[in-house]
């Protein structure tokens, strides 16, 4: 588990698509290569969040992208949990 690990900065567009999915948002975790990065949305604005977490290993990631799949990314500092 990587719950307490330092967040890693990544470019969502460069990550490998999660297996067996048509979703342009779901990406394979580059750390454990087992879990998915789902791309969180801000509850109030419904904008995509720059902070994400692997559903398998709990590693936190910060996306450097300004847009993901054409949607503006809201850059935040807080943990998505």
Protein backbone atom coordinates (compact mmCIF):
# COMPACT_ATOMS: atom_id res chain seq x y z
CA UNK A 1 0.00 0.00 0.00
CA UNK A 2 1.22 3.46 -0.92
CA UNK A 3 -1.19 5.50 1.20
CA UNK A 4 1.61 7.49 2.84
CA UNK A 5 3.86 7.69 -0.24
CA UNK A 6 4.67 11.08 -1.75
CA UNK A 7 2.29 11.99 -4.62
CA UNK A 8 3.73 11.41 -8.08
CA UNK A 9 3.32 13.96 -10.88
CA UNK A 10 2.20 12.37 -14.18
CA UNK A 11 0.68 13.33 -17.51
CA UNK A 12 -2.67 11.55 -17.90
CA UNK A 13 -2.39 11.63 -21.71
CA UNK A 14 0.85 9.61 -21.56
CA UNK A 15 -0.48 6.84 -19.28
CA UNK A 16 -1.56 3.44 -20.63
CA UNK A 17 -5.32 2.91 -20.90
CA UNK A 18 -6.68 0.49 -18.27
CA UNK A 19 -7.25 -2.97 -19.71
CA UNK A 20 -10.59 -3.91 -21.28
CA UNK A 21 -12.10 -0.43 -21.05
CA UNK A 22 -13.41 1.99 -23.62
CA UNK A 23 -13.19 4.87 -21.13
CA UNK A 24 -10.72 7.60 -22.08
CA UNK A 25 -10.43 8.47 -18.39
CA UNK A 26 -9.41 5.14 -16.81
CA UNK A 27 -5.66 4.54 -16.89
CA UNK A 28 -3.44 1.71 -15.64
CA UNK A 29 -1.53 2.58 -12.48
CA UNK A 30 2.13 3.01 -13.47
CA UNK A 31 3.28 1.99 -9.97
CA UNK A 32 1.53 -1.33 -9.26
CA UNK A 33 0.31 -2.07 -12.85
CA UNK A 34 -2.75 -3.74 -11.29
CA UNK A 35 -5.09 -0.93 -10.33
CA UNK A 36 -6.83 1.85 -12.18
CA UNK A 37 -6.72 5.62 -12.00
CA UNK A 38 -10.33 6.71 -12.38
CA UNK A 39 -10.00 10.55 -12.50
CA UNK A 40 -11.93 12.13 -9.65
CA UNK A 41 -14.39 14.99 -10.08
CA UNK A 42 -14.80 17.92 -7.73
CA UNK A 43 -18.12 17.36 -5.95
CA UNK A 44 -19.19 21.01 -6.11
CA UNK A 45 -18.17 21.98 -9.64
CA UNK A 46 -18.04 18.51 -11.27
CA UNK A 47 -14.74 19.54 -12.88
CA UNK A 48 -12.02 16.92 -13.22
CA UNK A 49 -9.58 16.95 -10.33
CA UNK A 50 -5.81 17.03 -10.82
CA UNK A 51 -5.40 14.70 -7.82
CA UNK A 52 -6.13 10.99 -8.22
CA UNK A 53 -5.43 7.74 -6.40
CA UNK A 54 -4.94 4.15 -7.59
CA UNK A 55 -7.87 1.97 -6.54
CA UNK A 56 -5.50 -0.97 -5.91
CA UNK A 57 -2.28 0.33 -4.30
CA UNK A 58 -3.56 3.74 -3.10
CA UNK A 59 -0.64 5.67 -4.64
CA UNK A 60 -1.59 9.33 -5.08
CA UNK A 61 -0.97 11.04 -8.42
CA UNK A 62 -1.15 14.67 -9.52
CA UNK A 63 -1.98 15.22 -13.18
CA UNK A 64 0.01 17.88 -15.02
CA UNK A 65 -2.52 18.04 -17.88
CA UNK A 66 -4.56 21.23 -18.36
CA UNK A 67 -7.28 19.16 -20.10
CA UNK A 68 -8.21 15.46 -19.98
CA UNK A 69 -10.32 14.21 -22.88
CA UNK A 70 -11.24 17.80 -23.70
CA UNK A 71 -12.41 18.66 -20.16
CA UNK A 72 -10.69 21.33 -18.07
CA UNK A 73 -8.77 19.96 -15.07
CA UNK A 74 -9.18 21.76 -11.75
CA UNK A 75 -5.75 21.82 -10.11
CA UNK A 76 -6.10 21.14 -6.39
CA UNK A 77 -3.72 20.36 -3.57
CA UNK A 78 -5.93 18.28 -1.29
CA UNK A 79 -6.08 14.49 -1.12
CA UNK A 80 -9.02 12.95 -3.05
CA UNK A 81 -10.05 10.54 -0.29
